[in-house]
Amino acid sequence: MAEQIHSLWGHLPLLVRANSKESVEYILQALWRTRHTGLDAADRQIFREILQLPNDSDIDPLLVCLRVLIRRCVYDNVSKDEMHKLFPAEVLSELQRLLTLLLQKFQKEWREDISKDQ
């Protein structure tokens, strides 16, 4: 299992294909919004366009990785100062910074959503 999680991190560089921070932000928000239902075909198509990926199957490992990050951020009560610890060393520092900023931005809102869900 640890090896599978380790290999998931290798898919994060696909986010570099997004042309803007806002595009990555959109992906994270959509993943959170669809946490109970899963992505529909329209969302998957938008993600593929944002990331310039030809096939649906190319995006699945990345989405799993992002959902793992989101869950850890929200459910593991990670402080803003410890957010960088969610990433192993092999994740590019620019991706770590971007994802850390975005996860910090939404963490409070997402935690509030969780408390409303209960």
PDB file of N, CA and C in Angstrom:
ATOM      1  N   MET A   1       0.828  -1.201   0.000  1.00  0.00           N
ATOM      2  CA  MET A   1       0.000   0.000   0.000  1.00  0.00           C
ATOM      3  C   MET A   1       0.871   1.263   0.000  1.00  0.00           C
ATOM      4  N   ALA A   2       1.897   1.279   0.847  1.00  0.00           N
ATOM      5  CA  ALA A   2       2.779   2.447   0.905  1.00  0.00           C
ATOM      6  C   ALA A   2       3.448   2.683  -0.438  1.00  0.00           C
ATOM      7  N   GLU A   3       3.793   1.597  -1.123  1.00  0.00           N
ATOM      8  CA  GLU A   3       4.419   1.734  -2.439  1.00  0.00           C
ATOM      9  C   GLU A   3       3.438   2.341  -3.441  1.00  0.00           C
ATOM     10  N   GLN A   4       2.157   1.946  -3.361  1.00  0.00           N
ATOM     11  CA  GLN A   4       1.146   2.514  -4.256  1.00  0.00           C
ATOM     12  C   GLN A   4       0.988   4.011  -4.000  1.00  0.00           C
ATOM     13  N   ILE A   5       0.915   4.397  -2.740  1.00  0.00           N
ATOM     14  CA  ILE A   5       0.795   5.818  -2.402  1.00  0.00           C
ATOM     15  C   ILE A   5       2.029   6.557  -2.900  1.00  0.00           C
ATOM     16  N   HIS A   6       3.204   5.953  -2.686  1.00  0.00           N
ATOM     17  CA  HIS A   6       4.459   6.564  -3.126  1.00  0.00           C
ATOM     18  C   HIS A   6       4.433   6.809  -4.632  1.00  0.00           C
ATOM     19  N   SER A   7       3.949   5.828  -5.400  1.00  0.00           N
ATOM     20  CA  SER A   7       3.931   5.980  -6.859  1.00  0.00           C
ATOM     21  C   SER A   7       2.889   7.001  -7.314  1.00  0.00           C
ATOM     22  N   LEU A   8       1.879   7.251  -6.498  1.00  0.00           N
ATOM     23  CA  LEU A   8       0.870   8.256  -6.848  1.00  0.00           C
ATOM     24  C   LEU A   8       1.480   9.645  -6.973  1.00  0.00           C
ATOM     25  N   TRP A   9       2.444   9.953  -6.125  1.00  0.00           N
ATOM     26  CA  TRP A   9       3.049  11.282  -6.145  1.00  0.00           C
ATOM     27  C   TRP A   9       3.666  11.594  -7.497  1.00  0.00           C
ATOM     28  N   GLY A  10       4.063  10.575  -8.220  1.00  0.00           N
ATOM     29  CA  GLY A  10       4.656  10.773  -9.538  1.00  0.00           C
ATOM     30  C   GLY A  10       3.695  11.381 -10.542  1.00  0.00           C
ATOM     31  N   HIS A  11       2.404  11.401 -10.227  1.00  0.00           N
ATOM     32  CA  HIS A  11       1.408  11.968 -11.139  1.00  0.00           C
ATOM     33  C   HIS A  11       1.178  13.463 -10.909  1.00  0.00           C
ATOM     34  N   LEU A  12       1.630  13.995  -9.788  1.00  0.00           N
ATOM     35  CA  LEU A  12       1.428  15.420  -9.503  1.00  0.00           C
ATOM     36  C   LEU A  12       2.016  16.356 -10.557  1.00  0.00           C
ATOM     37  N   PRO A  13       3.152  16.015 -11.190  1.00  0.00           N
ATOM     38  CA  PRO A  13       3.686  16.930 -12.211  1.00  0.00           C
ATOM     39  C   PRO A  13       2.726  17.204 -13.375  1.00  0.00           C
ATOM     40  N   LEU A  14       1.687  16.381 -13.539  1.00  0.00           N
ATOM     41  CA  LEU A  14       0.684  16.681 -14.570  1.00  0.00           C
ATOM     42  C   LEU A  14       0.040  18.046 -14.328  1.00  0.00           C
ATOM     43  N   LEU A  15       0.023  18.493 -13.075  1.00  0.00           N
ATOM     44  CA  LEU A  15      -0.572  19.796 -12.757  1.00  0.00           C
ATOM     45  C   LEU A  15       0.185  20.945 -13.403  1.00  0.00           C
ATOM     46  N   VAL A  16       1.446  20.723 -13.742  1.00  0.00           N
ATOM     47  CA  VAL A  16       2.237  21.765 -14.396  1.00  0.00           C
ATOM     48  C   VAL A  16       1.633  22.114 -15.757  1.00  0.00           C
ATOM     49  N   ARG A  17       0.885  21.189 -16.335  1.00  0.00           N
ATOM     50  CA  ARG A  17       0.251  21.435 -17.636  1.00  0.00           C
ATOM     51  C   ARG A  17      -0.861  22.473 -17.546  1.00  0.00           C
ATOM     52  N   ALA A  18      -1.405  22.668 -16.352  1.00  0.00           N
ATOM     53  CA  ALA A  18      -2.436  23.698 -16.181  1.00  0.00           C
ATOM     54  C   ALA A  18      -1.771  25.054 -16.393  1.00  0.00           C
ATOM     55  N   ASN A  19      -2.450  25.932 -17.086  1.00  0.00           N
ATOM     56  CA  ASN A  19      -1.853  27.217 -17.447  1.00  0.00           C
ATOM     57  C   ASN A  19      -1.878  28.257 -16.339  1.00  0.00           C
ATOM     58  N   SER A  20      -2.582  27.964 -15.256  1.00  0.00           N
ATOM     59  CA  SER A  20      -2.690  28.978 -14.207  1.00  0.00           C
ATOM     60  C   SER A  20      -2.972  28.346 -12.854  1.00  0.00           C
ATOM     61  N   LYS A  21      -2.695  29.128 -11.828  1.00  0.00           N
ATOM     62  CA  LYS A  21      -3.028  28.725 -10.461  1.00  0.00           C
ATOM     63  C   LYS A  21      -4.544  28.549 -10.340  1.00  0.00           C
ATOM     64  N   GLU A  22      -5.286  29.396 -11.033  1.00  0.00           N
ATOM     65  CA  GLU A  22      -6.746  29.334 -10.974  1.00  0.00           C
ATOM     66  C   GLU A  22      -7.269  28.010 -11.512  1.00  0.00           C
ATOM     67  N   SER A  23      -6.597  27.464 -12.520  1.00  0.00           N
ATOM     68  CA  SER A  23      -7.010  26.174 -13.075  1.00  0.00           C
ATOM     69  C   SER A  23      -6.827  25.060 -12.051  1.00  0.00           C
ATOM     70  N   VAL A  24      -5.708  25.083 -11.356  1.00  0.00           N
ATOM     71  CA  VAL A  24      -5.462  24.080 -10.316  1.00  0.00           C
ATOM     72  C   VAL A  24      -6.457  24.284  -9.173  1.00  0.00           C
ATOM     73  N   GLU A  25      -6.727  25.530  -8.849  1.00  0.00           N
ATOM     74  CA  GLU A  25      -7.715  25.856  -7.820  1.00  0.00           C
ATOM     75  C   GLU A  25      -9.085  25.299  -8.208  1.00  0.00           C
ATOM     76  N   TYR A  26      -9.463  25.460  -9.471  1.00  0.00           N
ATOM     77  CA  TYR A  26     -10.741  24.938  -9.954  1.00  0.00           C
ATOM     78  C   TYR A  26     -10.805  23.420  -9.762  1.00  0.00           C
ATOM     79  N   ILE A  27      -9.719  22.737 -10.096  1.00  0.00           N
ATOM     80  CA  ILE A  27      -9.680  21.278  -9.965  1.00  0.00           C
ATOM     81  C   ILE A  27      -9.883  20.874  -8.502  1.00  0.00           C
ATOM     82  N   LEU A  28      -9.168  21.516  -7.589  1.00  0.00           N
ATOM     83  CA  LEU A  28      -9.311  21.183  -6.171  1.00  0.00           C
ATOM     84  C   LEU A  28     -10.726  21.455  -5.673  1.00  0.00           C
ATOM     85  N   GLN A  29     -11.279  22.585  -6.060  1.00  0.00           N
ATOM     86  CA  GLN A  29     -12.647  22.929  -5.639  1.00  0.00           C
ATOM     87  C   GLN A  29     -13.661  21.913  -6.176  1.00  0.00           C
ATOM     88  N   ALA A  30     -13.487  21.529  -7.432  1.00  0.00           N
ATOM     89  CA  ALA A  30     -14.410  20.558  -8.031  1.00  0.00           C
ATOM     90  C   ALA A  30     -14.282  19.198  -7.354  1.00  0.00           C
ATOM     91  N   LEU A  31     -13.064  18.801  -7.017  1.00  0.00           N
ATOM     92  CA  LEU A  31     -12.883  17.530  -6.310  1.00  0.00           C
ATOM     93  C   LEU A  31     -13.568  17.577  -4.949  1.00  0.00           C
ATOM     94  N   TRP A  32     -13.468  18.701  -4.279  1.00  0.00           N
ATOM     95  CA  TRP A  32     -14.136  18.824  -2.984  1.00  0.00           C
ATOM     96  C   TRP A  32     -15.655  18.808  -3.167  1.00  0.00           C
ATOM     97  N   ARG A  33     -16.135  19.556  -4.119  1.00  0.00           N
ATOM     98  CA  ARG A  33     -17.580  19.650  -4.368  1.00  0.00           C
ATOM     99  C   ARG A  33     -18.180  18.283  -4.687  1.00  0.00           C
ATOM    100  N   THR A  34     -17.407  17.430  -5.337  1.00  0.00           N
ATOM    101  CA  THR A  34     -17.913  16.124  -5.776  1.00  0.00           C
ATOM    102  C   THR A  34     -17.422  14.985  -4.882  1.00  0.00           C
ATOM    103  N   ARG A  35     -17.039  15.310  -3.654  1.00  0.00           N
ATOM    104  CA  ARG A  35     -16.460  14.290  -2.774  1.00  0.00           C
ATOM    105  C   ARG A  35     -17.432  13.163  -2.449  1.00  0.00           C
ATOM    106  N   HIS A  36     -18.729  13.421  -2.487  1.00  0.00           N
ATOM    107  CA  HIS A  36     -19.718  12.382  -2.191  1.00  0.00           C
ATOM    108  C   HIS A  36     -20.211  11.675  -3.447  1.00  0.00           C
ATOM    109  N   THR A  37     -20.180  12.366  -4.554  1.00  0.00           N
ATOM    110  CA  THR A  37     -20.796  11.834  -5.776  1.00  0.00           C
ATOM    111  C   THR A  37     -19.796  11.360  -6.816  1.00  0.00           C
ATOM    112  N   GLY A  38     -18.585  11.843  -6.753  1.00  0.00           N
ATOM    113  CA  GLY A  38     -17.613  11.558  -7.804  1.00  0.00           C
ATOM    114  C   GLY A  38     -17.803  12.538  -8.952  1.00  0.00           C
ATOM    115  N   LEU A  39     -16.800  12.604  -9.791  1.00  0.00           N
ATOM    116  CA  LEU A  39     -16.849  13.532 -10.926  1.00  0.00           C
ATOM    117  C   LEU A  39     -17.785  13.024 -12.001  1.00  0.00           C
ATOM    118  N   ASP A  40     -18.517  13.935 -12.617  1.00  0.00           N
ATOM    119  CA  ASP A  40     -19.329  13.542 -13.765  1.00  0.00           C
ATOM    120  C   ASP A  40     -18.499  13.720 -15.037  1.00  0.00           C
ATOM    121  N   ALA A  41     -19.063  13.306 -16.144  1.00  0.00           N
ATOM    122  CA  ALA A  41     -18.337  13.338 -17.423  1.00  0.00           C
ATOM    123  C   ALA A  41     -17.919  14.759 -17.802  1.00  0.00           C
ATOM    124  N   ALA A  42     -18.767  15.738 -17.508  1.00  0.00           N
ATOM    125  CA  ALA A  42     -18.450  17.127 -17.864  1.00  0.00           C
ATOM    126  C   ALA A  42     -17.226  17.622 -17.088  1.00  0.00           C
ATOM    127  N   ASP A  43     -17.183  17.330 -15.785  1.00  0.00           N
ATOM    128  CA  ASP A  43     -16.021  17.730 -14.981  1.00  0.00           C
ATOM    129  C   ASP A  43     -14.750  17.052 -15.479  1.00  0.00           C
ATOM    130  N   ARG A  44     -14.851  15.774 -15.785  1.00  0.00           N
ATOM    131  CA  ARG A  44     -13.681  15.037 -16.271  1.00  0.00           C
ATOM    132  C   ARG A  44     -13.179  15.645 -17.580  1.00  0.00           C
ATOM    133  N   GLN A  45     -14.104  16.031 -18.443  1.00  0.00           N
ATOM    134  CA  GLN A  45     -13.726  16.653 -19.717  1.00  0.00           C
ATOM    135  C   GLN A  45     -13.015  17.990 -19.473  1.00  0.00           C
ATOM    136  N   ILE A  46     -13.549  18.788 -18.563  1.00  0.00           N
ATOM    137  CA  ILE A  46     -12.922  20.073 -18.230  1.00  0.00           C
ATOM    138  C   ILE A  46     -11.515  19.841 -17.679  1.00  0.00           C
ATOM    139  N   PHE A  47     -11.370  18.871 -16.790  1.00  0.00           N
ATOM    140  CA  PHE A  47     -10.046  18.566 -16.229  1.00  0.00           C
ATOM    141  C   PHE A  47      -9.078  18.152 -17.327  1.00  0.00           C
ATOM    142  N   ARG A  48      -9.540  17.301 -18.236  1.00  0.00           N
ATOM    143  CA  ARG A  48      -8.663  16.856 -19.328  1.00  0.00           C
ATOM    144  C   ARG A  48      -8.234  18.036 -20.186  1.00  0.00           C
ATOM    145  N   GLU A  49      -9.148  18.963 -20.440  1.00  0.00           N
ATOM    146  CA  GLU A  49      -8.801  20.152 -21.228  1.00  0.00           C
ATOM    147  C   GLU A  49      -7.806  21.038 -20.474  1.00  0.00           C
ATOM    148  N   ILE A  50      -8.047  21.258 -19.191  1.00  0.00           N
ATOM    149  CA  ILE A  50      -7.138  22.082 -18.385  1.00  0.00           C
ATOM    150  C   ILE A  50      -5.734  21.493 -18.406  1.00  0.00           C
ATOM    151  N   LEU A  51      -5.656  20.171 -18.277  1.00  0.00           N
ATOM    152  CA  LEU A  51      -4.360  19.499 -18.162  1.00  0.00           C
ATOM    153  C   LEU A  51      -3.824  18.989 -19.494  1.00  0.00           C
ATOM    154  N   GLN A  52      -4.580  19.238 -20.564  1.00  0.00           N
ATOM    155  CA  GLN A  52      -4.161  18.845 -21.910  1.00  0.00           C
ATOM    156  C   GLN A  52      -3.855  17.349 -21.983  1.00  0.00           C
ATOM    157  N   LEU A  53      -4.782  16.550 -21.464  1.00  0.00           N
ATOM    158  CA  LEU A  53      -4.624  15.095 -21.468  1.00  0.00           C
ATOM    159  C   LEU A  53      -5.598  14.477 -22.461  1.00  0.00           C
ATOM    160  N   PRO A  54      -5.133  13.542 -23.284  1.00  0.00           N
ATOM    161  CA  PRO A  54      -5.995  12.967 -24.312  1.00  0.00           C
ATOM    162  C   PRO A  54      -7.014  11.950 -23.786  1.00  0.00           C
ATOM    163  N   ASN A  55      -6.669  11.217 -22.735  1.00  0.00           N
ATOM    164  CA  ASN A  55      -7.528  10.121 -22.281  1.00  0.00           C
ATOM    165  C   ASN A  55      -7.984  10.302 -20.843  1.00  0.00           C
ATOM    166  N   ASP A  56      -9.190   9.818 -20.587  1.00  0.00           N
ATOM    167  CA  ASP A  56      -9.739   9.846 -19.241  1.00  0.00           C
ATOM    168  C   ASP A  56      -8.852   9.087 -18.262  1.00  0.00           C
ATOM    169  N   SER A  57      -8.326   7.959 -18.702  1.00  0.00           N
ATOM    170  CA  SER A  57      -7.525   7.120 -17.805  1.00  0.00           C
ATOM    171  C   SER A  57      -6.237   7.816 -17.368  1.00  0.00           C
ATOM    172  N   ASP A  58      -5.771   8.791 -18.143  1.00  0.00           N
ATOM    173  CA  ASP A  58      -4.550   9.520 -17.781  1.00  0.00           C
ATOM    174  C   ASP A  58      -4.745  10.383 -16.539  1.00  0.00           C
ATOM    175  N   ILE A  59      -5.980  10.743 -16.282  1.00  0.00           N
ATOM    176  CA  ILE A  59      -6.244  11.685 -15.197  1.00  0.00           C
ATOM    177  C   ILE A  59      -6.537  10.991 -13.862  1.00  0.00           C
ATOM    178  N   ASP A  60      -6.982   9.745 -13.906  1.00  0.00           N
ATOM    179  CA  ASP A  60      -7.409   9.057 -12.682  1.00  0.00           C
ATOM    180  C   ASP A  60      -6.356   9.004 -11.574  1.00  0.00           C
ATOM    181  N   PRO A  61      -5.105   8.605 -11.857  1.00  0.00           N
ATOM    182  CA  PRO A  61      -4.118   8.565 -10.762  1.00  0.00           C
ATOM    183  C   PRO A  61      -3.867   9.943 -10.139  1.00  0.00           C
ATOM    184  N   LEU A  62      -3.891  10.981 -10.946  1.00  0.00           N
ATOM    185  CA  LEU A  62      -3.716  12.335 -10.420  1.00  0.00           C
ATOM    186  C   LEU A  62      -4.872  12.700  -9.494  1.00  0.00           C
ATOM    187  N   LEU A  63      -6.089  12.369  -9.900  1.00  0.00           N
ATOM    188  CA  LEU A  63      -7.255  12.700  -9.083  1.00  0.00           C
ATOM    189  C   LEU A  63      -7.219  11.964  -7.754  1.00  0.00           C
ATOM    190  N   VAL A  64      -6.787  10.705  -7.775  1.00  0.00           N
ATOM    191  CA  VAL A  64      -6.651   9.948  -6.525  1.00  0.00           C
ATOM    192  C   VAL A  64      -5.652  10.646  -5.607  1.00  0.00           C
ATOM    193  N   CYS A  65      -4.535  11.043  -6.157  1.00  0.00           N
ATOM    194  CA  CYS A  65      -3.497  11.717  -5.380  1.00  0.00           C
ATOM    195  C   CYS A  65      -4.025  13.018  -4.775  1.00  0.00           C
ATOM    196  N   LEU A  66      -4.730  13.806  -5.568  1.00  0.00           N
ATOM    197  CA  LEU A  66      -5.274  15.071  -5.066  1.00  0.00           C
ATOM    198  C   LEU A  66      -6.328  14.838  -3.992  1.00  0.00           C
ATOM    199  N   ARG A  67      -7.163  13.818  -4.172  1.00  0.00           N
ATOM    200  CA  ARG A  67      -8.165  13.511  -3.145  1.00  0.00           C
ATOM    201  C   ARG A  67      -7.497  13.074  -1.839  1.00  0.00           C
ATOM    202  N   VAL A  68      -6.405  12.317  -1.933  1.00  0.00           N
ATOM    203  CA  VAL A  68      -5.655  11.921  -0.737  1.00  0.00           C
ATOM    204  C   VAL A  68      -5.134  13.168  -0.022  1.00  0.00           C
ATOM    205  N   LEU A  69      -4.567  14.093  -0.773  1.00  0.00           N
ATOM    206  CA  LEU A  69      -4.065  15.340  -0.177  1.00  0.00           C
ATOM    207  C   LEU A  69      -5.184  16.128   0.496  1.00  0.00           C
ATOM    208  N   ILE A  70      -6.304  16.247  -0.195  1.00  0.00           N
ATOM    209  CA  ILE A  70      -7.440  16.992   0.356  1.00  0.00           C
ATOM    210  C   ILE A  70      -7.912  16.336   1.653  1.00  0.00           C
ATOM    211  N   ARG A  71      -8.062  15.012   1.638  1.00  0.00           N
ATOM    212  CA  ARG A  71      -8.519  14.308   2.841  1.00  0.00           C
ATOM    213  C   ARG A  71      -7.562  14.525   4.010  1.00  0.00           C
ATOM    214  N   ARG A  72      -6.275  14.390   3.736  1.00  0.00           N
ATOM    215  CA  ARG A  72      -5.287  14.587   4.808  1.00  0.00           C
ATOM    216  C   ARG A  72      -5.360  16.010   5.352  1.00  0.00           C
ATOM    217  N   CYS A  73      -5.494  16.955   4.472  1.00  0.00           N
ATOM    218  CA  CYS A  73      -5.563  18.365   4.859  1.00  0.00           C
ATOM    219  C   CYS A  73      -6.775  18.621   5.752  1.00  0.00           C
ATOM    220  N   VAL A  74      -7.903  18.039   5.399  1.00  0.00           N
ATOM    221  CA  VAL A  74      -9.154  18.322   6.104  1.00  0.00           C
ATOM    222  C   VAL A  74      -9.340  17.444   7.339  1.00  0.00           C
ATOM    223  N   TYR A  75      -9.116  16.148   7.197  1.00  0.00           N
ATOM    224  CA  TYR A  75      -9.448  15.213   8.272  1.00  0.00           C
ATOM    225  C   TYR A  75      -8.319  14.977   9.271  1.00  0.00           C
ATOM    226  N   ASP A  76      -7.069  15.160   8.856  1.00  0.00           N
ATOM    227  CA  ASP A  76      -5.949  14.877   9.755  1.00  0.00           C
ATOM    228  C   ASP A  76      -5.549  16.082  10.593  1.00  0.00           C
ATOM    229  N   ASN A  77      -6.330  17.150  10.502  1.00  0.00           N
ATOM    230  CA  ASN A  77      -6.096  18.340  11.320  1.00  0.00           C
ATOM    231  C   ASN A  77      -4.661  18.850  11.185  1.00  0.00           C
ATOM    232  N   VAL A  78      -4.201  18.947   9.952  1.00  0.00           N
ATOM    233  CA  VAL A  78      -2.851  19.420   9.660  1.00  0.00           C
ATOM    234  C   VAL A  78      -2.830  20.942   9.808  1.00  0.00           C
ATOM    235  N   SER A  79      -1.891  21.435  10.596  1.00  0.00           N
ATOM    236  CA  SER A  79      -1.791  22.886  10.756  1.00  0.00           C
ATOM    237  C   SER A  79      -1.177  23.501   9.505  1.00  0.00           C
ATOM    238  N   LYS A  80      -1.382  24.783   9.346  1.00  0.00           N
ATOM    239  CA  LYS A  80      -0.836  25.475   8.170  1.00  0.00           C
ATOM    240  C   LYS A  80       0.681  25.366   8.113  1.00  0.00           C
ATOM    241  N   ASP A  81       1.316  25.372   9.276  1.00  0.00           N
ATOM    242  CA  ASP A  81       2.775  25.283   9.325  1.00  0.00           C
ATOM    243  C   ASP A  81       3.294  23.887   8.980  1.00  0.00           C
ATOM    244  N   GLU A  82       2.435  22.884   9.100  1.00  0.00           N
ATOM    245  CA  GLU A  82       2.855  21.506   8.826  1.00  0.00           C
ATOM    246  C   GLU A  82       2.374  21.000   7.469  1.00  0.00           C
ATOM    247  N   MET A  83       1.680  21.827   6.736  1.00  0.00           N
ATOM    248  CA  MET A  83       1.096  21.423   5.459  1.00  0.00           C
ATOM    249  C   MET A  83       2.151  20.857   4.507  1.00  0.00           C
ATOM    250  N   HIS A  84       3.339  21.439   4.509  1.00  0.00           N
ATOM    251  CA  HIS A  84       4.393  20.975   3.605  1.00  0.00           C
ATOM    252  C   HIS A  84       4.795  19.527   3.888  1.00  0.00           C
ATOM    253  N   LYS A  85       4.508  19.033   5.093  1.00  0.00           N
ATOM    254  CA  LYS A  85       4.862  17.659   5.455  1.00  0.00           C
ATOM    255  C   LYS A  85       3.970  16.628   4.766  1.00  0.00           C
ATOM    256  N   LEU A  86       2.904  17.078   4.132  1.00  0.00           N
ATOM    257  CA  LEU A  86       2.039  16.157   3.390  1.00  0.00           C
ATOM    258  C   LEU A  86       2.737  15.598   2.157  1.00  0.00           C
ATOM    259  N   PHE A  87       3.779  16.282   1.709  1.00  0.00           N
ATOM    260  CA  PHE A  87       4.437  15.928   0.453  1.00  0.00           C
ATOM    261  C   PHE A  87       5.767  15.229   0.698  1.00  0.00           C
ATOM    262  N   PRO A  88       6.012  14.138  -0.028  1.00  0.00           N
ATOM    263  CA  PRO A  88       7.347  13.533   0.047  1.00  0.00           C
ATOM    264  C   PRO A  88       8.354  14.398  -0.713  1.00  0.00           C
ATOM    265  N   ALA A  89       9.618  14.149  -0.479  1.00  0.00           N
ATOM    266  CA  ALA A  89      10.692  14.968  -1.055  1.00  0.00           C
ATOM    267  C   ALA A  89      10.681  14.987  -2.579  1.00  0.00           C
ATOM    268  N   GLU A  90      10.188  13.917  -3.214  1.00  0.00           N
ATOM    269  CA  GLU A  90      10.278  13.867  -4.678  1.00  0.00           C
ATOM    270  C   GLU A  90       9.285  14.782  -5.399  1.00  0.00           C
ATOM    271  N   VAL A  91       8.339  15.362  -4.660  1.00  0.00           N
ATOM    272  CA  VAL A  91       7.389  16.286  -5.287  1.00  0.00           C
ATOM    273  C   VAL A  91       8.101  17.619  -5.507  1.00  0.00           C
ATOM    274  N   LEU A  92       8.024  18.120  -6.733  1.00  0.00           N
ATOM    275  CA  LEU A  92       8.681  19.378  -7.088  1.00  0.00           C
ATOM    276  C   LEU A  92       8.315  20.482  -6.101  1.00  0.00           C
ATOM    277  N   SER A  93       9.302  21.263  -5.702  1.00  0.00           N
ATOM    278  CA  SER A  93       9.057  22.304  -4.697  1.00  0.00           C
ATOM    279  C   SER A  93       8.025  23.325  -5.173  1.00  0.00           C
ATOM    280  N   GLU A  94       8.009  23.646  -6.479  1.00  0.00           N
ATOM    281  CA  GLU A  94       7.012  24.606  -6.971  1.00  0.00           C
ATOM    282  C   GLU A  94       5.601  24.039  -6.852  1.00  0.00           C
ATOM    283  N   LEU A  95       5.445  22.735  -7.074  1.00  0.00           N
ATOM    284  CA  LEU A  95       4.131  22.107  -6.900  1.00  0.00           C
ATOM    285  C   LEU A  95       3.750  22.068  -5.426  1.00  0.00           C
ATOM    286  N   GLN A  96       4.713  21.762  -4.576  1.00  0.00           N
ATOM    287  CA  GLN A  96       4.442  21.771  -3.138  1.00  0.00           C
ATOM    288  C   GLN A  96       3.948  23.140  -2.691  1.00  0.00           C
ATOM    289  N   ARG A  97       4.625  24.192  -3.149  1.00  0.00           N
ATOM    290  CA  ARG A  97       4.231  25.555  -2.758  1.00  0.00           C
ATOM    291  C   ARG A  97       2.823  25.882  -3.244  1.00  0.00           C
ATOM    292  N   LEU A  98       2.555  25.587  -4.515  1.00  0.00           N
ATOM    293  CA  LEU A  98       1.238  25.888  -5.078  1.00  0.00           C
ATOM    294  C   LEU A  98       0.138  25.130  -4.343  1.00  0.00           C
ATOM    295  N   LEU A  99       0.314  23.828  -4.188  1.00  0.00           N
ATOM    296  CA  LEU A  99      -0.714  23.027  -3.527  1.00  0.00           C
ATOM    297  C   LEU A  99      -0.851  23.403  -2.053  1.00  0.00           C
ATOM    298  N   THR A 100       0.251  23.711  -1.406  1.00  0.00           N
ATOM    299  CA  THR A 100       0.185  24.138  -0.006  1.00  0.00           C
ATOM    300  C   THR A 100      -0.623  25.425   0.121  1.00  0.00           C
ATOM    301  N   LEU A 101      -0.358  26.386  -0.746  1.00  0.00           N
ATOM    302  CA  LEU A 101      -1.117  27.647  -0.726  1.00  0.00           C
ATOM    303  C   LEU A 101      -2.609  27.407  -0.922  1.00  0.00           C
ATOM    304  N   LEU A 102      -2.939  26.565  -1.897  1.00  0.00           N
ATOM    305  CA  LEU A 102      -4.350  26.320  -2.194  1.00  0.00           C
ATOM    306  C   LEU A 102      -5.024  25.509  -1.088  1.00  0.00           C
ATOM    307  N   LEU A 103      -4.338  24.515  -0.562  1.00  0.00           N
ATOM    308  CA  LEU A 103      -4.917  23.730   0.529  1.00  0.00           C
ATOM    309  C   LEU A 103      -5.131  24.607   1.760  1.00  0.00           C
ATOM    310  N   GLN A 104      -4.181  25.482   2.039  1.00  0.00           N
ATOM    311  CA  GLN A 104      -4.343  26.412   3.163  1.00  0.00           C
ATOM    312  C   GLN A 104      -5.528  27.343   2.927  1.00  0.00           C
ATOM    313  N   LYS A 105      -5.669  27.780   1.698  1.00  0.00           N
ATOM    314  CA  LYS A 105      -6.747  28.712   1.351  1.00  0.00           C
ATOM    315  C   LYS A 105      -8.120  28.106   1.641  1.00  0.00           C
ATOM    316  N   PHE A 106      -8.280  26.815   1.330  1.00  0.00           N
ATOM    317  CA  PHE A 106      -9.600  26.188   1.436  1.00  0.00           C
ATOM    318  C   PHE A 106      -9.803  25.354   2.696  1.00  0.00           C
ATOM    319  N   GLN A 107      -8.766  25.122   3.468  1.00  0.00           N
ATOM    320  CA  GLN A 107      -8.860  24.200   4.600  1.00  0.00           C
ATOM    321  C   GLN A 107      -9.986  24.565   5.570  1.00  0.00           C
ATOM    322  N   LYS A 108     -10.063  25.813   5.974  1.00  0.00           N
ATOM    323  CA  LYS A 108     -11.087  26.233   6.945  1.00  0.00           C
ATOM    324  C   LYS A 108     -12.493  26.023   6.380  1.00  0.00           C
ATOM    325  N   GLU A 109     -12.686  26.446   5.142  1.00  0.00           N
ATOM    326  CA  GLU A 109     -13.997  26.288   4.492  1.00  0.00           C
ATOM    327  C   GLU A 109     -14.375  24.811   4.398  1.00  0.00           C
ATOM    328  N   TRP A 110     -13.432  23.976   4.011  1.00  0.00           N
ATOM    329  CA  TRP A 110     -13.714  22.548   3.861  1.00  0.00           C
ATOM    330  C   TRP A 110     -14.008  21.894   5.207  1.00  0.00           C
ATOM    331  N   ARG A 111     -13.292  22.315   6.243  1.00  0.00           N
ATOM    332  CA  ARG A 111     -13.569  21.773   7.578  1.00  0.00           C
ATOM    333  C   ARG A 111     -14.968  22.171   8.043  1.00  0.00           C
ATOM    334  N   GLU A 112     -15.371  23.391   7.711  1.00  0.00           N
ATOM    335  CA  GLU A 112     -16.728  23.827   8.052  1.00  0.00           C
ATOM    336  C   GLU A 112     -17.757  22.980   7.311  1.00  0.00           C
ATOM    337  N   ASP A 113     -17.472  22.664   6.049  1.00  0.00           N
ATOM    338  CA  ASP A 113     -18.370  21.798   5.282  1.00  0.00           C
ATOM    339  C   ASP A 113     -18.516  20.436   5.958  1.00  0.00           C
ATOM    340  N   ILE A 114     -17.406  19.901   6.451  1.00  0.00           N
ATOM    341  CA  ILE A 114     -17.419  18.596   7.114  1.00  0.00           C
ATOM    342  C   ILE A 114     -18.280  18.646   8.365  1.00  0.00           C
ATOM    343  N   SER A 115     -18.151  19.706   9.137  1.00  0.00           N
ATOM    344  CA  SER A 115     -18.949  19.805  10.362  1.00  0.00           C
ATOM    345  C   SER A 115     -20.434  19.936  10.033  1.00  0.00           C
ATOM    346  N   LYS A 116     -20.766  20.557   8.907  1.00  0.00           N
ATOM    347  CA  LYS A 116     -22.167  20.649   8.480  1.00  0.00           C
ATOM    348  C   LYS A 116     -22.686  19.294   8.009  1.00  0.00           C
ATOM    349  N   ASP A 117     -21.797  18.492   7.417  1.00  0.00           N
ATOM    350  CA  ASP A 117     -22.192  17.174   6.913  1.00  0.00           C
ATOM    351  C   ASP A 117     -22.568  16.222   8.045  1.00  0.00           C
ATOM    352  N   GLN A 118     -22.000  16.441   9.227  1.00  0.00           N
ATOM    353  CA  GLN A 118     -22.208  15.489  10.336  1.00  0.00           C
ATOM    354  C   GLN A 118     -23.510  15.700  11.048  1.00  0.00           C
TER     355      GLN A 118
END
